[in-house]
C-alpha atoms as a PDB file:
ATOM      1  CA  UNK A   1      85.542  72.830 105.478  1.00  0.00           C
ATOM      2  CA  UNK A   2      87.182  75.516 103.349  1.00  0.00           C
ATOM      3  CA  UNK A   3      90.574  76.804 104.423  1.00  0.00           C
ATOM      4  CA  UNK A   4      90.351  79.870 102.214  1.00  0.00           C
ATOM      5  CA  UNK A   5      91.160  83.099 104.021  1.00  0.00           C
ATOM      6  CA  UNK A   6      88.798  86.049 103.952  1.00  0.00           C
ATOM      7  CA  UNK A   7      90.904  89.121 103.184  1.00  0.00           C
ATOM      8  CA  UNK A   8      89.713  92.422 104.616  1.00  0.00           C
ATOM      9  CA  UNK A   9      90.276  95.691 102.757  1.00  0.00           C
ATOM     10  CA  UNK A  10      89.789  98.799 104.901  1.00  0.00           C
ATOM     11  CA  UNK A  11      88.248 101.693 102.957  1.00  0.00           C
ATOM     12  CA  UNK A  12      88.077 104.649 105.352  1.00  0.00           C
ATOM     13  CA  UNK A  13      90.892 106.671 103.755  1.00  0.00           C
ATOM     14  CA  UNK A  14      88.613 108.270 101.200  1.00  0.00           C
ATOM     15  CA  UNK A  15      88.704 111.774  99.763  1.00  0.00           C
ATOM     16  CA  UNK A  16      84.900 111.915 100.125  1.00  0.00           C
ATOM     17  CA  UNK A  17      85.203 111.640 103.915  1.00  0.00           C
ATOM     18  CA  UNK A  18      84.468 114.842 105.832  1.00  0.00           C
ATOM     19  CA  UNK A  19      87.582 114.259 107.930  1.00  0.00           C
ATOM     20  CA  UNK A  20      89.985 112.613 105.500  1.00  0.00           C
ATOM     21  CA  UNK A  21      89.096 114.677 102.409  1.00  0.00           C
ATOM     22  CA  UNK A  22      90.228 118.046 103.805  1.00  0.00           C
ATOM     23  CA  UNK A  23      93.301 116.390 105.336  1.00  0.00           C
ATOM     24  CA  UNK A  24      94.359 115.061 101.928  1.00  0.00           C
ATOM     25  CA  UNK A  25      93.791 118.392 100.191  1.00  0.00           C
ATOM     26  CA  UNK A  26      95.639 120.317 102.917  1.00  0.00           C
ATOM     27  CA  UNK A  27      98.367 117.656 103.270  1.00  0.00           C
ATOM     28  CA  UNK A  28      97.619 117.264 106.949  1.00  0.00           C
ATOM     29  CA  UNK A  29      99.126 113.916 107.910  1.00  0.00           C
ATOM     30  CA  UNK A  30      97.648 113.504 111.390  1.00  0.00           C
ATOM     31  CA  UNK A  31      94.027 112.458 110.610  1.00  0.00           C
ATOM     32  CA  UNK A  32      95.156 110.179 107.792  1.00  0.00           C
ATOM     33  CA  UNK A  33      97.824 108.442 109.830  1.00  0.00           C
ATOM     34  CA  UNK A  34      95.429 108.081 112.757  1.00  0.00           C
ATOM     35  CA  UNK A  35      92.933 106.339 110.493  1.00  0.00           C
ATOM     36  CA  UNK A  36      95.635 104.131 108.958  1.00  0.00           C
ATOM     37  CA  UNK A  37      96.760 103.013 112.419  1.00  0.00           C
ATOM     38  CA  UNK A  38      93.167 102.351 113.512  1.00  0.00           C
ATOM     39  CA  UNK A  39      92.491 100.263 110.405  1.00  0.00           C
ATOM     40  CA  UNK A  40      95.729  98.337 110.907  1.00  0.00           C
ATOM     41  CA  UNK A  41      95.007  97.644 114.575  1.00  0.00           C
ATOM     42  CA  UNK A  42      91.460  96.552 113.687  1.00  0.00           C
ATOM     43  CA  UNK A  43      92.944  93.690 111.668  1.00  0.00           C
ATOM     44  CA  UNK A  44      92.760  94.898 108.074  1.00  0.00           C
ATOM     45  CA  UNK A  45      94.882  93.060 105.511  1.00  0.00           C
ATOM     46  CA  UNK A  46      94.993  95.946 103.010  1.00  0.00           C
ATOM     47  CA  UNK A  47      94.291  99.671 103.135  1.00  0.00           C
ATOM     48  CA  UNK A  48      92.409 101.280 100.249  1.00  0.00           C
ATOM     49  CA  UNK A  49      93.471 104.841  99.394  1.00  0.00           C
ATOM     50  CA  UNK A  50      90.583 106.418  97.493  1.00  0.00           C
ATOM     51  CA  UNK A  51      91.246 109.679  95.650  1.00  0.00           C
ATOM     52  CA  UNK A  52      88.268 109.460  93.298  1.00  0.00           C
ATOM     53  CA  UNK A  53      88.912 111.056  89.871  1.00  0.00           C
ATOM     54  CA  UNK A  54      91.911 113.036  91.230  1.00  0.00           C
ATOM     55  CA  UNK A  55      91.915 115.280  88.171  1.00  0.00           C
ATOM     56  CA  UNK A  56      93.841 118.165  89.737  1.00  0.00           C
ATOM     57  CA  UNK A  57      97.419 117.303  90.764  1.00  0.00           C
ATOM     58  CA  UNK A  58      96.353 113.697  91.270  1.00  0.00           C
ATOM     59  CA  UNK A  59      99.872 112.366  90.871  1.00  0.00           C
ATOM     60  CA  UNK A  60     101.289 114.629  93.584  1.00  0.00           C
ATOM     61  CA  UNK A  61      98.349 113.871  95.867  1.00  0.00           C
ATOM     62  CA  UNK A  62      98.684 110.098  95.494  1.00  0.00           C
ATOM     63  CA  UNK A  63     102.450 110.144  95.968  1.00  0.00           C
ATOM     64  CA  UNK A  64     102.059 112.158  99.170  1.00  0.00           C
ATOM     65  CA  UNK A  65      99.229 109.944 100.434  1.00  0.00           C
ATOM     66  CA  UNK A  66     101.115 106.692  99.861  1.00  0.00           C
ATOM     67  CA  UNK A  67     104.203 108.001 101.631  1.00  0.00           C
ATOM     68  CA  UNK A  68     102.097 109.372 104.492  1.00  0.00           C
ATOM     69  CA  UNK A  69     100.361 106.048 105.091  1.00  0.00           C
ATOM     70  CA  UNK A  70     103.534 103.980 104.728  1.00  0.00           C
ATOM     71  CA  UNK A  71     105.101 106.005 107.548  1.00  0.00           C
ATOM     72  CA  UNK A  72     102.743 104.360 110.054  1.00  0.00           C
ATOM     73  CA  UNK A  73     101.836 100.931 108.641  1.00  0.00           C
ATOM     74  CA  UNK A  74     103.424  98.024 106.808  1.00  0.00           C
ATOM     75  CA  UNK A  75     100.150  96.895 105.252  1.00  0.00           C
ATOM     76  CA  UNK A  76      99.913  96.716 101.445  1.00  0.00           C
ATOM     77  CA  UNK A  77      97.734  99.290  99.709  1.00  0.00           C
ATOM     78  CA  UNK A  78      94.951  99.480  97.151  1.00  0.00           C
ATOM     79  CA  UNK A  79      95.263 102.571  94.938  1.00  0.00           C
ATOM     80  CA  UNK A  80      91.713 103.669  94.207  1.00  0.00           C
ATOM     81  CA  UNK A  81      91.390 106.318  91.495  1.00  0.00           C
ATOM     82  CA  UNK A  82      90.316 106.582  87.873  1.00  0.00           C
ATOM     83  CA  UNK A  83      93.386 108.699  87.076  1.00  0.00           C
ATOM     84  CA  UNK A  84      96.126 106.506  85.536  1.00  0.00           C
ATOM     85  CA  UNK A  85      98.786 109.175  86.105  1.00  0.00           C
ATOM     86  CA  UNK A  86      97.953 109.198  89.817  1.00  0.00           C
ATOM     87  CA  UNK A  87      98.015 105.402  89.864  1.00  0.00           C
ATOM     88  CA  UNK A  88     101.530 105.315  88.451  1.00  0.00           C
ATOM     89  CA  UNK A  89     102.681 107.939  90.945  1.00  0.00           C
ATOM     90  CA  UNK A  90     101.380 105.739  93.750  1.00  0.00           C
ATOM     91  CA  UNK A  91     103.044 102.638  92.339  1.00  0.00           C
ATOM     92  CA  UNK A  92     106.355 104.483  92.164  1.00  0.00           C
ATOM     93  CA  UNK A  93     105.991 105.958  95.656  1.00  0.00           C
ATOM     94  CA  UNK A  94     105.239 102.691  97.461  1.00  0.00           C
ATOM     95  CA  UNK A  95     108.363 101.242  99.068  1.00  0.00           C
ATOM     96  CA  UNK A  96     107.071  98.559 101.449  1.00  0.00           C
ATOM     97  CA  UNK A  97     104.711  96.514  99.261  1.00  0.00           C
ATOM     98  CA  UNK A  98     103.532  96.547  95.662  1.00  0.00           C
ATOM     99  CA  UNK A  99     100.059  98.142  95.652  1.00  0.00           C
ATOM    100  CA  UNK A 100      96.955  96.788  93.954  1.00  0.00           C
ATOM    101  CA  UNK A 101      95.263  98.953  91.301  1.00  0.00           C
ATOM    102  CA  UNK A 102      91.605  99.540  92.150  1.00  0.00           C
ATOM    103  CA  UNK A 103      90.232  99.188  89.549  1.00  0.00           C
ATOM    104  CA  UNK A 104      90.257  98.276  85.843  1.00  0.00           C
ATOM    105  CA  UNK A 105      86.918  97.653  84.145  1.00  0.00           C
ATOM    106  CA  UNK A 106      85.851  96.308  80.745  1.00  0.00           C
ATOM    107  CA  UNK A 107      85.598  99.719  79.076  1.00  0.00           C
ATOM    108  CA  UNK A 108      88.242 100.237  76.410  1.00  0.00           C
ATOM    109  CA  UNK A 109      89.643 103.431  77.925  1.00  0.00           C
ATOM    110  CA  UNK A 110      90.191 101.713  81.256  1.00  0.00           C
ATOM    111  CA  UNK A 111      91.869  98.716  79.626  1.00  0.00           C
ATOM    112  CA  UNK A 112      94.187 100.773  77.415  1.00  0.00           C
ATOM    113  CA  UNK A 113      95.280 103.278  80.071  1.00  0.00           C
ATOM    114  CA  UNK A 114      95.648 101.026  83.121  1.00  0.00           C
ATOM    115  CA  UNK A 115      96.654  97.542  81.970  1.00  0.00           C
ATOM    116  CA  UNK A 116     100.026  98.892  80.774  1.00  0.00           C
ATOM    117  CA  UNK A 117     100.704  99.836  84.416  1.00  0.00           C
ATOM    118  CA  UNK A 118      99.975  96.276  85.547  1.00  0.00           C
ATOM    119  CA  UNK A 119     102.314  94.992  82.849  1.00  0.00           C
ATOM    120  CA  UNK A 120     105.039  97.505  83.721  1.00  0.00           C
ATOM    121  CA  UNK A 121     105.004  97.164  87.508  1.00  0.00           C
ATOM    122  CA  UNK A 122     103.831  93.568  87.922  1.00  0.00           C
ATOM    123  CA  UNK A 123     101.039  94.506  90.320  1.00  0.00           C
ATOM    124  CA  UNK A 124      97.635  92.951  90.941  1.00  0.00           C
ATOM    125  CA  UNK A 125      94.439  94.756  89.989  1.00  0.00           C
ATOM    126  CA  UNK A 126      90.725  94.721  90.724  1.00  0.00           C
ATOM    127  CA  UNK A 127      88.824  93.549  87.637  1.00  0.00           C
ATOM    128  CA  UNK A 128      85.556  95.466  87.903  1.00  0.00           C
ATOM    129  CA  UNK A 129      82.712  93.916  85.910  1.00  0.00           C
ATOM    130  CA  UNK A 130      81.528  97.179  84.419  1.00  0.00           C
ATOM    131  CA  UNK A 131      81.138  97.914  80.702  1.00  0.00           C
ATOM    132  CA  UNK A 132      80.169 100.803  78.445  1.00  0.00           C
ATOM    133  CA  UNK A 133      76.564  99.756  79.063  1.00  0.00           C
ATOM    134  CA  UNK A 134      77.000 100.261  82.802  1.00  0.00           C
ATOM    135  CA  UNK A 135      76.381  97.777  85.614  1.00  0.00           C
ATOM    136  CA  UNK A 136      75.698  94.279  84.229  1.00  0.00           C
ATOM    137  CA  UNK A 137      72.078  93.154  84.476  1.00  0.00           C
ATOM    138  CA  UNK A 138      72.759  89.476  85.094  1.00  0.00           C
ATOM    139  CA  UNK A 139      75.413  86.797  85.569  1.00  0.00           C
ATOM    140  CA  UNK A 140      75.972  86.405  81.823  1.00  0.00           C
ATOM    141  CA  UNK A 141      76.817  90.079  81.364  1.00  0.00           C
ATOM    142  CA  UNK A 142      79.193  89.897  84.317  1.00  0.00           C
ATOM    143  CA  UNK A 143      80.862  86.902  82.710  1.00  0.00           C
ATOM    144  CA  UNK A 144      81.258  88.797  79.437  1.00  0.00           C
ATOM    145  CA  UNK A 145      82.920  91.702  81.251  1.00  0.00           C
ATOM    146  CA  UNK A 146      85.322  89.364  83.013  1.00  0.00           C
ATOM    147  CA  UNK A 147      86.214  87.557  79.785  1.00  0.00           C
ATOM    148  CA  UNK A 148      86.969  90.884  78.094  1.00  0.00           C
ATOM    149  CA  UNK A 149      89.202  92.029  80.951  1.00  0.00           C
ATOM    150  CA  UNK A 150      90.927  88.654  81.290  1.00  0.00           C
ATOM    151  CA  UNK A 151      91.563  88.454  77.538  1.00  0.00           C
ATOM    152  CA  UNK A 152      93.020  91.965  77.379  1.00  0.00           C
ATOM    153  CA  UNK A 153      95.248  91.159  80.356  1.00  0.00           C
ATOM    154  CA  UNK A 154      96.396  87.853  78.855  1.00  0.00           C
ATOM    155  CA  UNK A 155      97.376  89.639  75.639  1.00  0.00           C
ATOM    156  CA  UNK A 156      99.864  91.583  77.754  1.00  0.00           C
ATOM    157  CA  UNK A 157     101.152  88.468  79.499  1.00  0.00           C
ATOM    158  CA  UNK A 158      99.291  89.214  82.736  1.00  0.00           C
ATOM    159  CA  UNK A 159      98.244  85.963  84.467  1.00  0.00           C
ATOM    160  CA  UNK A 160      94.827  85.332  86.006  1.00  0.00           C
ATOM    161  CA  UNK A 161      96.377  85.268  89.464  1.00  0.00           C
ATOM    162  CA  UNK A 162      96.817  89.050  89.271  1.00  0.00           C
ATOM    163  CA  UNK A 163      93.056  89.640  89.008  1.00  0.00           C
ATOM    164  CA  UNK A 164      90.762  90.401  91.954  1.00  0.00           C
ATOM    165  CA  UNK A 165      87.322  90.049  90.369  1.00  0.00           C
ATOM    166  CA  UNK A 166      84.675  92.480  91.629  1.00  0.00           C
ATOM    167  CA  UNK A 167      81.260  91.261  90.398  1.00  0.00           C
ATOM    168  CA  UNK A 168      79.521  94.455  91.615  1.00  0.00           C
ATOM    169  CA  UNK A 169      76.722  93.809  94.076  1.00  0.00           C
ATOM    170  CA  UNK A 170      73.988  96.334  94.813  1.00  0.00           C
ATOM    171  CA  UNK A 171      71.979  96.400  98.067  1.00  0.00           C
ATOM    172  CA  UNK A 172      68.844  94.246  98.218  1.00  0.00           C
ATOM    173  CA  UNK A 173      66.846  97.424  98.803  1.00  0.00           C
ATOM    174  CA  UNK A 174      68.010  98.729  95.417  1.00  0.00           C
ATOM    175  CA  UNK A 175      67.530  95.635  93.257  1.00  0.00           C
ATOM    176  CA  UNK A 176      67.031  92.082  94.523  1.00  0.00           C
ATOM    177  CA  UNK A 177      67.709  90.666  91.056  1.00  0.00           C
ATOM    178  CA  UNK A 178      71.192  92.190  91.135  1.00  0.00           C
ATOM    179  CA  UNK A 179      71.948  90.312  94.350  1.00  0.00           C
ATOM    180  CA  UNK A 180      70.711  87.070  92.809  1.00  0.00           C
ATOM    181  CA  UNK A 181      72.847  87.693  89.713  1.00  0.00           C
ATOM    182  CA  UNK A 182      75.864  88.273  91.964  1.00  0.00           C
ATOM    183  CA  UNK A 183      75.231  84.978  93.759  1.00  0.00           C
ATOM    184  CA  UNK A 184      74.877  83.148  90.452  1.00  0.00           C
ATOM    185  CA  UNK A 185      78.045  84.641  88.994  1.00  0.00           C
ATOM    186  CA  UNK A 186      80.377  84.204  91.972  1.00  0.00           C
ATOM    187  CA  UNK A 187      80.839  80.414  91.602  1.00  0.00           C
ATOM    188  CA  UNK A 188      81.534  80.911  87.894  1.00  0.00           C
ATOM    189  CA  UNK A 189      84.614  83.057  88.447  1.00  0.00           C
ATOM    190  CA  UNK A 190      87.021  80.135  88.835  1.00  0.00           C
ATOM    191  CA  UNK A 191      85.556  78.432  85.766  1.00  0.00           C
ATOM    192  CA  UNK A 192      86.026  81.547  83.656  1.00  0.00           C
ATOM    193  CA  UNK A 193      89.259  82.822  85.182  1.00  0.00           C
ATOM    194  CA  UNK A 194      91.089  80.046  87.081  1.00  0.00           C
ATOM    195  CA  UNK A 195      93.427  81.411  89.741  1.00  0.00           C
ATOM    196  CA  UNK A 196      91.724  84.779  90.151  1.00  0.00           C
ATOM    197  CA  UNK A 197      90.590  86.135  93.508  1.00  0.00           C
ATOM    198  CA  UNK A 198      87.189  87.689  94.179  1.00  0.00           C
ATOM    199  CA  UNK A 199      86.363  90.873  96.059  1.00  0.00           C
ATOM    200  CA  UNK A 200      83.266  92.877  96.837  1.00  0.00           C
END
């Protein structure tokens, strides 16, 4: 019997939410802190803070959001945005735990703008198996994405243990073959990237 722990990542603090989105933009702490407390009490291990692209004042927004959430919970955070400036602001703002960057994919822009943050701050990151061609079609393409990310990380001295591999799984109703590819790839992760975690 496996003694591996299933880690839960709560994802309700999302700028796309009808409740949380306006609260973030208006810097209204109450709804955000209420959600953070609810997620904590529900047994989450991590809280994901999703700002999306965060193009406008993303750094200020992420700094404020991290501080707001840390006022009411001791749980570690996932910083979920494509904006590397906002990511660094969140890494600097966090005082209780070192956040996880969510995410870095196999596209060159993502690797060159975000891996330096992992190197600088020593944080973990989600390795998203996405390339310039989009979502991988099968297990082999997922493996290629992971190898590219792992290699780029290793060149910066970042060990495999810092990677949380996200193989990308689509609903069965969208594409059954994608689910089968996910199932085929998942056992390969430790062969390709020993020591890495997986997430989905």
